[in-house]
Amino acid sequence: MLLGVLLSTITVLGSVGLMAIAGHFIAAMAIAGLAGVLMNYFLPAVGIRFLAILRTGGRYAERVASHDATFRLLAQLRVWLFRKLEPLGPGQLANERGADLAARIQNDVDTLQHAYLRLYVPLLTALACTTVVVAFFAWRSVAAAIVLFALMVTAGVIVPLIVRRASAAPGAAAVKAHAALRVALVDALQGMGDLAAYGANGLKAKEIAAIGDDLAAQQKRAGAFTVSAEGVVGLCAGLAMWLTALIAIAATGDGALGPAEVPMLALAALAAFEAVAPLPLAMQRSTEVVAAARRIFALADTAPAMPDPAGASPTPVDNGIVMRNVSLRHEGSARLALDAIDLALPEGRRMAVTGSSGAGKSSIARVWVRFSDYTGEVRFGGHDLRSYRAEDLRDRIAVLTQYTHLMTGTLRENLLLAAPEADHAAIADALDAAQLRDFVAAQPLGLDTPVGEGGLSLSAGQARRLAIARVLLRKAAVVVLDEPTEGLDPETARKVLQGVFYRMVGRSVLVITHDLTQVDEWVDEVVNMEEGRIFRRDESR
């Protein structure tokens, strides 16, 4: 980043030097010609060529260095932000729109590149170049230096600050409109079938058009201030050139300056404004950068509901889980999802939890993997659940959630998300248990078959079985299966459960289901829940 600033400063000073030497050289040649005397034109010609090459090469090198720094910075920012978000999910991100989160990771982080390219580099370059150029002018003419400094401060400080204040509101509004446009477009694409079915395509299109018009209007407002400011900067540059020329002409009459220095200083003054010309745009960009940064840090500064302990996770003595007087209330909910429940799943035991929708069954799994905070006591392997780091805990407890997301990619890539080290034999065994072996074999690309966005190219049953295979690859000591047969016909469901429980020997298993008949023969204990409480147990198995 500092290299980019240094190269930018060298490039601008090279431009100023090029104009100054060229002005002096042309004037000196004209004066020598009128006087009929000879002069050494080799040295100035070499200087002009050197500075021309320096200006061109410096600009190229500055672009390479500054953009390389920018891309490295953006990559680090995205990874940093994702690591901040990961401990918040899914509980503290439940009210966030997926498209808006993607916009923050992509668009808002992209906007932050302007903090370096359009703000940091121009500001430091302007400061360095103004100091050097004004010092040079003061050496030749104090009056010219004062005029140049005043006009450069006007163009590089006063005008940009006015632009920043004027464009603050439209800049922030443009960032929000851009995020809203992304959300609306993603909603339209993902819900295209439903929109068409209800004849709402036109309404959605009007909504998108309205957001787009608002975005364009905000960008136009901000751009109008920037264009006006650029005109003022150009005016200041012209005034600096002519006022410097007049001051230098007056100084030649006193013998303080030579005639050839008049065009030298005038052209140098004009070229010096290359240092401050980007600042109005930089100030306009700064409002967008601040708005994007606020959106990013609003998430990044959120503390996890259950922060990791400072030390390492304890070593569990077994793989049993015990819950005592545990209660849980989801954010925004008036009633308890879990209401002072007591539950124990010893190592190697299989338990089914039944009940109607909303009874609190899935909340048990959320507590076990620390997706939600709770009151009461939960112990895993003889130790308090809070003493485990979340990553270590989730290595030991695998959960098949009711709505498992499939990534855009291939069957193989989705399976390897669970166990990157899994070999072909392990993948084949998991597919066999999930009754997907024949389906994969029938695909021309086999495991390299794309699943589409969110598993769109798969049926609901195929997607469910792929999620089951992914859980089996985890080899976790504790497995939670939330509605494992959802979307499967009875015969396929029976075969899948048979294959799954055959491979669960020795593991602790919790099955969450509203249909006990499907899993009754496979479990050792049945617990019935209603309204967040345990109403009945059947341990006679």
Protein backbone atom coordinates (compact mmCIF):
# COMPACT_ATOMS: atom_id res chain seq x y z
CA MET A 1 0.00 0.00 0.00
CA LEU A 2 2.82 2.40 0.82
CA LEU A 3 4.53 1.41 -2.42
CA GLY A 4 1.41 2.45 -4.32
CA VAL A 5 1.44 5.86 -2.60
CA LEU A 6 5.16 6.32 -3.34
CA LEU A 7 4.75 5.45 -7.02
CA SER A 8 1.71 7.73 -7.32
CA THR A 9 3.68 10.61 -5.79
CA ILE A 10 6.63 10.01 -8.12
CA THR A 11 4.27 9.93 -11.12
CA VAL A 12 2.58 13.24 -10.25
CA LEU A 13 5.89 14.95 -9.48
CA GLY A 14 7.20 13.57 -12.77
CA SER A 15 4.26 15.24 -14.57
CA VAL A 16 4.92 18.55 -12.85
CA GLY A 17 8.63 18.32 -13.61
CA LEU A 18 7.92 17.41 -17.23
CA MET A 19 5.69 20.47 -17.76
CA ALA A 20 8.13 22.76 -15.94
CA ILE A 21 11.21 21.64 -17.88
CA ALA A 22 9.30 21.64 -21.17
CA GLY A 23 8.07 25.20 -20.56
CA HIS A 24 11.55 26.39 -19.61
CA PHE A 25 13.18 24.58 -22.53
CA ILE A 26 10.80 25.95 -25.20
CA ALA A 27 11.06 29.49 -23.86
CA ALA A 28 14.85 29.29 -23.52
CA MET A 29 15.18 28.01 -27.10
CA ALA A 30 13.00 30.85 -28.37
CA ILE A 31 15.00 33.45 -26.44
CA ALA A 32 18.30 31.98 -27.67
CA GLY A 33 17.02 32.02 -31.25
CA LEU A 34 15.97 35.67 -31.01
CA ALA A 35 19.33 36.59 -29.48
CA GLY A 36 21.26 34.54 -32.04
CA VAL A 37 23.17 32.58 -29.43
CA LEU A 38 23.74 28.87 -28.93
CA MET A 39 22.49 26.86 -25.94
CA ASN A 40 22.89 23.31 -24.68
CA TYR A 41 19.63 21.63 -25.57
CA PHE A 42 20.86 18.08 -24.99
CA LEU A 43 20.52 18.15 -21.20
CA PRO A 44 16.93 19.53 -21.15
CA ALA A 45 15.94 17.10 -23.91
CA VAL A 46 17.30 14.19 -21.87
CA GLY A 47 15.39 15.47 -18.81
CA ILE A 48 12.14 15.73 -20.78
CA ARG A 49 12.49 12.20 -22.15
CA PHE A 50 13.42 10.83 -18.75
CA LEU A 51 10.44 12.46 -17.06
CA ALA A 52 8.09 11.36 -19.85
CA ILE A 53 9.21 7.77 -19.40
CA LEU A 54 9.07 8.13 -15.59
CA ARG A 55 5.51 9.49 -15.79
CA THR A 56 4.28 6.67 -18.05
CA GLY A 57 6.19 3.89 -16.31
CA GLY A 58 5.37 5.25 -12.88
CA ARG A 59 1.66 5.33 -13.62
CA TYR A 60 1.74 1.74 -14.87
CA ALA A 61 3.76 0.56 -11.86
CA GLU A 62 1.45 2.46 -9.49
CA ARG A 63 -1.62 0.79 -11.00
CA VAL A 64 -0.03 -2.65 -10.66
CA ALA A 65 1.09 -2.08 -7.06
CA SER A 66 -2.08 -0.37 -5.83
CA HIS A 67 -4.45 -2.86 -7.47
CA ASP A 68 -2.41 -5.80 -6.21
CA ALA A 69 -2.64 -4.36 -2.71
CA THR A 70 -6.37 -3.76 -3.18
CA PHE A 71 -7.12 -7.32 -4.30
CA ARG A 72 -5.09 -8.76 -1.43
CA LEU A 73 -6.93 -6.48 0.99
CA LEU A 74 -10.35 -7.45 -0.40
CA ALA A 75 -9.52 -11.15 -0.14
CA GLN A 76 -8.45 -10.75 3.48
CA LEU A 77 -11.52 -8.64 4.29
CA ARG A 78 -13.91 -11.25 2.90
CA VAL A 79 -12.26 -14.06 4.85
CA TRP A 80 -12.21 -11.88 7.99
CA LEU A 81 -15.90 -11.02 7.60
CA PHE A 82 -16.90 -14.64 6.96
CA ARG A 83 -15.02 -15.71 10.11
CA LYS A 84 -16.92 -13.04 12.03
CA LEU A 85 -20.26 -14.20 10.63
CA GLU A 86 -19.76 -17.95 11.06
CA PRO A 87 -20.09 -17.95 14.89
CA LEU A 88 -23.30 -15.90 14.59
CA GLY A 89 -25.15 -18.42 12.44
CA PRO A 90 -27.75 -19.51 12.31
CA GLY A 91 -29.35 -18.04 15.45
CA GLN A 92 -28.21 -14.42 15.25
CA LEU A 93 -28.51 -14.33 11.47
CA ALA A 94 -32.05 -15.72 11.40
CA ASN A 95 -33.57 -12.30 10.68
CA GLU A 96 -31.05 -11.40 7.97
CA ARG A 97 -31.85 -11.88 4.30
CA GLY A 98 -29.48 -14.25 2.51
CA ALA A 99 -29.13 -11.89 -0.46
CA ASP A 100 -28.34 -8.98 1.88
CA LEU A 101 -25.64 -11.00 3.64
CA ALA A 102 -24.16 -11.86 0.24
CA ALA A 103 -24.30 -8.17 -0.67
CA ARG A 104 -22.32 -7.29 2.44
CA ILE A 105 -19.67 -9.91 1.73
CA GLN A 106 -19.43 -9.00 -1.97
CA ASN A 107 -20.68 -5.48 -2.79
CA ASP A 108 -19.94 -3.75 0.51
CA VAL A 109 -16.46 -5.24 0.74
CA ASP A 110 -15.89 -4.20 -2.89
CA THR A 111 -16.93 -0.66 -1.94
CA LEU A 112 -14.24 -0.64 0.75
CA GLN A 113 -11.59 -0.84 -1.97
CA HIS A 114 -12.26 2.86 -2.54
CA ALA A 115 -10.89 3.54 0.93
CA TYR A 116 -7.44 2.74 -0.44
CA LEU A 117 -7.64 3.36 -4.19
CA ARG A 118 -9.82 6.49 -4.15
CA LEU A 119 -9.12 7.93 -0.70
CA TYR A 120 -5.91 6.77 0.94
CA VAL A 121 -3.67 7.00 -2.13
CA PRO A 122 -5.01 10.35 -3.49
CA LEU A 123 -4.92 12.05 -0.07
CA LEU A 124 -1.35 11.06 0.75
CA THR A 125 -0.22 11.77 -2.81
CA ALA A 126 -1.84 15.22 -2.74
CA LEU A 127 -0.24 16.01 0.62
CA ALA A 128 3.24 14.95 -0.50
CA CYS A 129 3.08 16.60 -3.93
CA THR A 130 1.61 19.87 -2.61
CA THR A 131 4.41 20.12 -0.06
CA VAL A 132 7.15 19.54 -2.66
CA VAL A 133 5.66 21.82 -5.35
CA VAL A 134 4.86 24.71 -2.98
CA ALA A 135 8.36 24.45 -1.49
CA PHE A 136 9.84 24.67 -5.01
CA PHE A 137 7.67 27.70 -5.83
CA ALA A 138 8.64 29.39 -2.56
CA TRP A 139 12.28 29.00 -3.60
CA ARG A 140 11.61 30.83 -6.85
CA SER A 141 8.78 33.21 -5.83
CA VAL A 142 7.09 33.49 -2.44
CA ALA A 143 4.11 35.33 -3.92
CA ALA A 144 3.55 32.62 -6.52
CA ALA A 145 3.86 29.96 -3.82
CA ILE A 146 1.21 31.66 -1.68
CA VAL A 147 -1.22 31.91 -4.60
CA LEU A 148 -0.60 28.32 -5.63
CA PHE A 149 -1.02 27.03 -2.08
CA ALA A 150 -4.27 28.95 -1.56
CA LEU A 151 -5.79 27.65 -4.79
CA MET A 152 -4.62 24.08 -4.15
CA VAL A 153 -6.13 24.18 -0.65
CA THR A 154 -9.37 25.46 -2.18
CA ALA A 155 -9.40 22.71 -4.81
CA GLY A 156 -8.02 19.94 -2.59
CA VAL A 157 -9.61 20.65 0.79
CA ILE A 158 -12.53 23.10 0.74
CA VAL A 159 -14.23 21.83 -2.43
CA PRO A 160 -13.89 18.11 -1.51
CA LEU A 161 -15.29 18.75 2.00
CA ILE A 162 -18.29 20.53 0.47
CA VAL A 163 -18.74 17.59 -1.92
CA ARG A 164 -18.51 15.11 0.94
CA ARG A 165 -21.15 16.89 2.97
CA ALA A 166 -23.46 17.33 0.00
CA SER A 167 -23.11 13.73 -1.22
CA ALA A 168 -23.31 12.05 2.21
CA ALA A 169 -27.05 11.39 2.05
CA PRO A 170 -27.24 10.22 -1.59
CA GLY A 171 -24.08 8.13 -1.16
CA ALA A 172 -25.44 6.27 1.86
CA ALA A 173 -28.83 5.90 0.15
CA ALA A 174 -27.12 4.46 -2.96
CA VAL A 175 -25.43 1.75 -0.87
CA LYS A 176 -28.76 0.78 0.72
CA ALA A 177 -30.56 0.87 -2.63
CA HIS A 178 -27.88 -1.35 -4.17
CA ALA A 179 -28.37 -3.92 -1.40
CA ALA A 180 -32.18 -3.69 -1.72
CA LEU A 181 -31.91 -4.20 -5.49
CA ARG A 182 -29.85 -7.35 -4.97
CA VAL A 183 -32.36 -8.73 -2.48
CA ALA A 184 -35.28 -7.99 -4.82
CA LEU A 185 -33.54 -9.61 -7.80
CA VAL A 186 -32.63 -12.75 -5.85
CA ASP A 187 -36.19 -13.01 -4.53
CA ALA A 188 -37.54 -12.66 -8.07
CA LEU A 189 -35.22 -15.30 -9.49
CA GLN A 190 -35.73 -17.81 -6.69
CA GLY A 191 -39.48 -17.27 -6.58
CA MET A 192 -40.03 -17.04 -10.32
CA GLY A 193 -42.27 -20.11 -10.40
CA ASP A 194 -44.53 -18.87 -7.59
CA LEU A 195 -44.67 -15.36 -9.06
CA ALA A 196 -45.73 -16.78 -12.41
CA ALA A 197 -48.33 -19.04 -10.79
CA TYR A 198 -49.98 -16.11 -9.02
CA GLY A 199 -49.55 -13.67 -11.92
CA ALA A 200 -47.32 -11.40 -9.82
CA ASN A 201 -44.41 -11.08 -12.24
CA GLY A 202 -45.51 -7.61 -13.26
CA LEU A 203 -45.71 -6.37 -9.68
CA LYS A 204 -42.27 -7.74 -8.88
CA ALA A 205 -40.84 -6.17 -12.03
CA LYS A 206 -42.29 -2.79 -11.01
CA GLU A 207 -40.76 -3.16 -7.55
CA ILE A 208 -37.34 -3.91 -9.05
CA ALA A 209 -37.67 -1.03 -11.51
CA ALA A 210 -38.58 1.36 -8.68
CA ILE A 211 -35.52 0.33 -6.66
CA GLY A 212 -33.35 0.65 -9.76
CA ASP A 213 -34.72 4.13 -10.46
CA ASP A 214 -34.02 5.14 -6.87
CA LEU A 215 -30.45 3.83 -7.12
CA ALA A 216 -29.89 5.70 -10.40
CA ALA A 217 -31.35 8.90 -8.90
CA GLN A 218 -29.08 8.72 -5.84
CA GLN A 219 -26.02 8.04 -8.00
CA LYS A 220 -27.00 10.95 -10.29
CA ARG A 221 -27.32 13.31 -7.32
CA ALA A 222 -23.92 12.31 -5.95
CA GLY A 223 -22.38 12.45 -9.42
CA ALA A 224 -23.72 15.98 -10.03
CA PHE A 225 -21.81 17.28 -7.01
CA THR A 226 -18.64 15.54 -8.18
CA VAL A 227 -18.88 16.93 -11.72
CA SER A 228 -19.45 20.45 -10.38
CA ALA A 229 -16.46 20.05 -8.10
CA GLU A 230 -14.27 18.90 -10.97
CA GLY A 231 -15.24 22.08 -12.82
CA VAL A 232 -14.20 24.18 -9.82
CA VAL A 233 -10.87 22.30 -9.63
CA GLY A 234 -10.30 23.06 -13.33
CA LEU A 235 -11.10 26.72 -12.69
CA CYS A 236 -8.61 26.81 -9.81
CA ALA A 237 -5.96 25.21 -12.03
CA GLY A 238 -6.52 27.85 -14.75
CA LEU A 239 -6.42 30.69 -12.23
CA ALA A 240 -3.23 29.29 -10.71
CA MET A 241 -1.56 29.18 -14.13
CA TRP A 242 -2.52 32.74 -15.12
CA LEU A 243 -1.90 34.31 -11.71
CA THR A 244 1.47 32.57 -11.49
CA ALA A 245 2.31 33.82 -14.97
CA LEU A 246 1.40 37.42 -14.01
CA ILE A 247 3.43 37.24 -10.78
CA ALA A 248 6.40 35.73 -12.63
CA ILE A 249 6.21 38.40 -15.36
CA ALA A 250 6.28 41.11 -12.70
CA ALA A 251 9.25 39.38 -11.06
CA THR A 252 11.21 39.38 -14.33
CA GLY A 253 10.98 43.16 -14.38
CA ASP A 254 12.72 43.23 -11.01
CA GLY A 255 15.32 40.75 -12.18
CA ALA A 256 14.20 38.19 -9.56
CA LEU A 257 13.27 35.64 -12.26
CA GLY A 258 14.54 34.93 -15.75
CA PRO A 259 12.16 35.22 -18.73
CA ALA A 260 12.25 31.44 -19.32
CA GLU A 261 10.98 30.83 -15.77
CA VAL A 262 7.62 32.47 -16.53
CA PRO A 263 6.24 29.58 -18.62
CA MET A 264 8.10 27.11 -16.39
CA LEU A 265 6.24 28.23 -13.25
CA ALA A 266 2.94 28.77 -15.06
CA LEU A 267 2.90 25.27 -16.56
CA ALA A 268 4.16 23.72 -13.32
CA ALA A 269 1.29 25.39 -11.47
CA LEU A 270 -1.18 23.97 -13.98
CA ALA A 271 0.32 20.47 -13.72
CA ALA A 272 0.37 20.58 -9.91
CA PHE A 273 -3.41 20.29 -9.83
CA GLU A 274 -3.11 16.69 -11.02
CA ALA A 275 -2.32 15.95 -7.37
CA VAL A 276 -5.61 17.36 -6.03
CA ALA A 277 -7.93 16.64 -8.97
CA PRO A 278 -9.01 13.18 -7.63
CA LEU A 279 -9.95 14.51 -4.19
CA PRO A 280 -13.57 15.61 -4.90
CA LEU A 281 -14.35 12.12 -6.22
CA ALA A 282 -12.46 10.66 -3.25
CA MET A 283 -14.65 12.61 -0.84
CA GLN A 284 -17.78 11.52 -2.67
CA ARG A 285 -16.60 7.90 -2.53
CA SER A 286 -15.86 8.28 1.17
CA THR A 287 -19.57 8.58 1.95
CA GLU A 288 -20.22 5.27 0.21
CA VAL A 289 -17.23 3.70 1.98
CA VAL A 290 -18.52 4.85 5.38
CA ALA A 291 -22.03 3.54 4.63
CA ALA A 292 -20.65 0.17 3.47
CA ALA A 293 -18.32 -0.04 6.47
CA ARG A 294 -21.21 0.60 8.86
CA ARG A 295 -23.22 -2.21 7.27
CA ILE A 296 -20.24 -4.56 7.56
CA PHE A 297 -19.31 -3.69 11.14
CA ALA A 298 -22.94 -3.83 12.25
CA LEU A 299 -22.56 -7.59 11.75
CA ALA A 300 -18.86 -8.03 12.48
CA ASP A 301 -19.12 -6.28 15.87
CA THR A 302 -22.00 -8.51 16.98
CA ALA A 303 -20.86 -10.76 19.80
CA PRO A 304 -21.78 -14.46 19.46
CA ALA A 305 -24.66 -15.54 21.66
CA MET A 306 -22.40 -18.27 23.05
CA PRO A 307 -18.75 -17.20 22.76
CA ASP A 308 -16.03 -19.83 22.80
CA PRO A 309 -14.19 -20.39 26.09
CA ALA A 310 -10.71 -18.96 26.38
CA GLY A 311 -9.02 -22.31 26.81
CA ALA A 312 -9.06 -25.61 24.94
CA SER A 313 -12.06 -27.91 24.97
CA PRO A 314 -12.07 -30.67 27.60
CA THR A 315 -11.76 -34.32 26.64
CA PRO A 316 -15.16 -36.03 27.00
CA VAL A 317 -15.24 -39.17 29.09
CA ASP A 318 -18.02 -40.59 26.88
CA ASN A 319 -20.48 -39.45 24.24
CA GLY A 320 -23.55 -39.06 26.42
CA ILE A 321 -25.60 -35.86 26.73
CA VAL A 322 -27.58 -34.77 29.79
CA MET A 323 -29.99 -31.81 29.98
CA ARG A 324 -31.24 -30.55 33.35
CA ASN A 325 -33.91 -27.84 33.72
CA VAL A 326 -33.07 -26.40 30.28
CA SER A 327 -35.14 -23.55 28.87
CA LEU A 328 -34.82 -21.69 25.57
CA ARG A 329 -36.65 -18.72 24.10
CA HIS A 330 -36.06 -17.77 20.46
CA GLU A 331 -35.54 -14.09 19.71
CA GLY A 332 -38.83 -12.30 19.07
CA SER A 333 -40.92 -15.16 20.45
CA ALA A 334 -43.30 -14.67 23.37
CA ARG A 335 -43.27 -18.29 24.52
CA LEU A 336 -40.51 -20.70 25.48
CA ALA A 337 -39.30 -23.15 22.83
CA LEU A 338 -37.98 -25.37 25.64
CA ASP A 339 -39.55 -25.10 29.07
CA ALA A 340 -37.44 -26.55 31.91
CA ILE A 341 -36.89 -29.93 30.27
CA ASP A 342 -34.81 -32.82 31.61
CA LEU A 343 -33.43 -35.24 29.03
CA ALA A 344 -30.58 -37.75 28.89
CA LEU A 345 -29.12 -39.56 25.88
CA PRO A 346 -26.50 -42.05 27.13
CA GLU A 347 -23.66 -43.16 24.87
CA GLY A 348 -24.78 -45.67 22.27
CA ARG A 349 -28.49 -45.20 22.96
CA ARG A 350 -31.10 -44.35 20.32
CA MET A 351 -33.90 -41.97 21.21
CA ALA A 352 -36.88 -40.66 19.25
CA VAL A 353 -38.50 -37.32 20.10
CA THR A 354 -42.01 -36.90 18.75
CA GLY A 355 -44.61 -34.16 18.86
CA SER A 356 -46.49 -31.72 16.71
CA SER A 357 -44.84 -28.92 14.75
CA GLY A 358 -43.62 -26.19 17.09
CA ALA A 359 -43.41 -28.52 20.08
CA GLY A 360 -39.71 -27.68 20.56
CA LYS A 361 -38.17 -30.88 19.17
CA SER A 362 -35.65 -29.17 16.85
CA SER A 363 -34.67 -26.74 19.60
CA ILE A 364 -32.98 -29.60 21.44
CA ALA A 365 -30.52 -30.01 18.57
CA ARG A 366 -29.94 -26.23 18.41
CA VAL A 367 -28.89 -26.29 22.05
CA TRP A 368 -26.60 -29.28 21.62
CA VAL A 369 -24.57 -27.67 18.82
CA ARG A 370 -24.68 -24.22 20.48
CA PHE A 371 -26.76 -22.53 17.82
CA SER A 372 -28.89 -20.94 20.56
CA ASP A 373 -28.20 -19.86 24.12
CA TYR A 374 -30.17 -21.42 26.97
CA THR A 375 -30.68 -21.46 30.71
CA GLY A 376 -30.14 -24.52 32.83
CA GLU A 377 -27.40 -27.14 32.53
CA VAL A 378 -26.27 -29.26 29.59
CA ARG A 379 -23.39 -31.70 29.94
CA PHE A 380 -21.65 -33.55 27.14
CA GLY A 381 -19.17 -36.29 27.98
CA GLY A 382 -19.26 -35.32 31.65
CA HIS A 383 -18.39 -31.64 31.05
CA ASP A 384 -20.46 -28.48 30.80
CA LEU A 385 -21.45 -27.83 27.19
CA ARG A 386 -20.25 -24.21 27.50
CA SER A 387 -16.70 -25.40 28.20
CA TYR A 388 -16.38 -26.76 24.64
CA ARG A 389 -15.32 -24.67 21.69
CA ALA A 390 -18.09 -24.65 19.08
CA GLU A 391 -15.90 -26.16 16.36
CA ASP A 392 -14.79 -29.04 18.60
CA LEU A 393 -18.36 -29.68 19.68
CA ARG A 394 -19.68 -29.81 16.12
CA ASP A 395 -16.92 -32.25 15.18
CA ARG A 396 -18.48 -34.69 17.65
CA ILE A 397 -22.17 -33.96 17.00
CA ALA A 398 -23.57 -34.22 13.45
CA VAL A 399 -27.02 -32.82 12.70
CA LEU A 400 -29.31 -33.47 9.78
CA THR A 401 -31.45 -30.34 9.94
CA GLN A 402 -34.96 -30.17 8.61
CA TYR A 403 -33.91 -27.74 5.88
CA THR A 404 -30.43 -28.77 4.80
CA HIS A 405 -28.88 -26.46 2.23
CA LEU A 406 -27.10 -27.85 -0.80
CA MET A 407 -24.40 -25.70 -2.32
CA THR A 408 -24.22 -24.90 -6.01
CA GLY A 409 -21.74 -27.47 -7.27
CA THR A 410 -21.52 -31.19 -7.91
CA LEU A 411 -22.71 -34.18 -5.91
CA ARG A 412 -19.11 -34.91 -4.93
CA GLU A 413 -18.43 -31.36 -3.75
CA ASN A 414 -21.55 -31.34 -1.59
CA LEU A 415 -20.59 -34.64 0.01
CA LEU A 416 -17.02 -33.57 0.66
CA LEU A 417 -18.23 -30.50 2.56
CA ALA A 418 -18.90 -32.88 5.44
CA ALA A 419 -15.61 -34.77 5.22
CA PRO A 420 -13.00 -33.37 2.81
CA GLU A 421 -10.75 -36.34 3.51
CA ALA A 422 -13.38 -38.98 2.59
CA ASP A 423 -12.19 -41.51 0.01
CA HIS A 424 -14.18 -43.19 -2.75
CA ALA A 425 -15.09 -46.18 -0.56
CA ALA A 426 -16.51 -43.97 2.21
CA ILE A 427 -18.53 -41.94 -0.31
CA ALA A 428 -19.87 -45.12 -1.95
CA ASP A 429 -20.90 -46.54 1.43
CA ALA A 430 -22.74 -43.33 2.38
CA LEU A 431 -24.53 -43.26 -0.97
CA ASP A 432 -25.50 -46.90 -0.55
CA ALA A 433 -26.97 -46.23 2.89
CA ALA A 434 -28.93 -43.24 1.57
CA GLN A 435 -30.26 -45.25 -1.40
CA LEU A 436 -28.54 -42.97 -3.91
CA ARG A 437 -26.12 -45.44 -5.45
CA ASP A 438 -28.34 -46.36 -8.41
CA PHE A 439 -29.22 -42.69 -9.06
CA VAL A 440 -25.56 -41.64 -9.17
CA ALA A 441 -24.62 -44.60 -11.36
CA ALA A 442 -27.33 -43.60 -13.85
CA GLN A 443 -25.91 -40.08 -14.28
CA PRO A 444 -23.49 -39.61 -17.22
CA LEU A 445 -21.18 -37.54 -15.01
CA GLY A 446 -21.62 -39.69 -11.90
CA LEU A 447 -20.50 -37.84 -8.76
CA ASP A 448 -19.55 -34.85 -10.90
CA THR A 449 -23.22 -34.21 -11.75
CA PRO A 450 -24.17 -30.59 -10.92
CA VAL A 451 -26.94 -30.21 -8.35
CA GLY A 452 -27.91 -26.66 -9.34
CA GLU A 453 -28.54 -23.73 -7.02
CA GLY A 454 -29.81 -25.07 -3.70
CA GLY A 455 -30.09 -28.55 -5.25
CA LEU A 456 -32.60 -27.34 -7.84
CA SER A 457 -31.80 -30.14 -10.30
CA LEU A 458 -32.62 -32.81 -7.69
CA SER A 459 -36.02 -33.91 -6.49
CA ALA A 460 -36.93 -33.20 -2.86
CA GLY A 461 -36.33 -36.86 -1.98
CA GLN A 462 -32.96 -36.98 -3.74
CA ALA A 463 -31.85 -33.79 -2.02
CA ARG A 464 -32.91 -35.22 1.34
CA ARG A 465 -31.00 -38.44 0.78
CA LEU A 466 -27.92 -36.50 -0.33
CA ALA A 467 -28.08 -34.60 2.96
CA ILE A 468 -28.34 -37.91 4.84
CA ALA A 469 -25.28 -39.26 3.01
CA ARG A 470 -23.41 -36.09 3.95
CA VAL A 471 -24.22 -36.61 7.63
CA LEU A 472 -23.09 -40.24 7.47
CA LEU A 473 -19.69 -39.16 6.14
CA ARG A 474 -19.08 -37.14 9.28
CA LYS A 475 -18.45 -40.25 11.43
CA ALA A 476 -19.61 -38.23 14.44
CA ALA A 477 -20.10 -39.86 17.83
CA VAL A 478 -23.53 -38.26 18.27
CA VAL A 479 -26.00 -37.97 15.38
CA VAL A 480 -29.22 -35.95 15.31
CA LEU A 481 -31.67 -36.76 12.51
CA ASP A 482 -34.42 -34.15 12.18
CA GLU A 483 -37.27 -35.57 10.08
CA PRO A 484 -34.88 -37.86 8.14
CA THR A 485 -37.58 -39.35 5.89
CA GLU A 486 -39.29 -36.08 4.92
CA GLY A 487 -40.24 -36.22 1.24
CA LEU A 488 -39.56 -39.97 0.87
CA ASP A 489 -42.08 -42.63 -0.04
CA PRO A 490 -42.64 -45.34 2.63
CA GLU A 491 -40.57 -48.03 0.92
CA THR A 492 -37.58 -45.73 0.27
CA ALA A 493 -37.87 -44.34 3.80
CA ARG A 494 -37.71 -47.87 5.25
CA LYS A 495 -34.60 -48.73 3.21
CA VAL A 496 -32.89 -45.45 4.09
CA LEU A 497 -33.53 -45.87 7.82
CA GLN A 498 -32.31 -49.46 7.66
CA GLY A 499 -29.10 -48.38 5.95
CA VAL A 500 -28.59 -45.45 8.34
CA PHE A 501 -29.17 -47.31 11.60
CA TYR A 502 -27.07 -50.25 10.43
CA ARG A 503 -24.15 -47.81 10.32
CA MET A 504 -25.03 -46.20 13.67
CA VAL A 505 -23.99 -49.11 15.86
CA GLY A 506 -22.25 -47.72 18.95
CA ARG A 507 -23.24 -44.13 18.26
CA SER A 508 -25.69 -41.98 20.22
CA VAL A 509 -28.66 -41.16 17.99
CA LEU A 510 -31.51 -38.70 18.45
CA VAL A 511 -34.31 -38.91 15.89
CA ILE A 512 -36.76 -36.01 15.69
CA THR A 513 -39.96 -36.98 13.96
CA HIS A 514 -43.70 -36.37 13.87
CA ASP A 515 -44.32 -39.92 12.55
CA LEU A 516 -43.14 -42.49 15.08
CA THR A 517 -44.20 -45.47 12.97
CA GLN A 518 -41.25 -44.99 10.63
CA VAL A 519 -38.56 -45.18 13.33
CA ASP A 520 -40.28 -47.10 16.11
CA GLU A 521 -38.43 -50.37 15.50
CA TRP A 522 -35.01 -48.68 15.47
CA VAL A 523 -35.00 -46.73 18.75
CA ASP A 524 -34.55 -47.65 22.42
CA GLU A 525 -36.63 -44.85 23.91
CA VAL A 526 -39.44 -42.53 22.80
CA VAL A 527 -40.06 -39.05 24.24
CA ASN A 528 -43.17 -37.03 23.45
CA MET A 529 -43.02 -33.23 23.56
CA GLU A 530 -45.73 -30.56 23.47
CA GLU A 531 -45.35 -26.81 23.93
CA GLY A 532 -41.69 -27.08 24.87
CA ARG A 533 -42.22 -29.67 27.60
CA ILE A 534 -41.74 -33.43 27.87
CA PHE A 535 -45.11 -35.07 28.51
CA ARG A 536 -44.46 -38.76 28.15
CA ARG A 537 -41.57 -41.22 28.04
CA ASP A 538 -41.50 -44.79 26.79
CA GLU A 539 -38.34 -46.49 28.04
CA SER A 540 -39.68 -50.06 28.00
CA ARG A 541 -37.69 -51.23 24.97
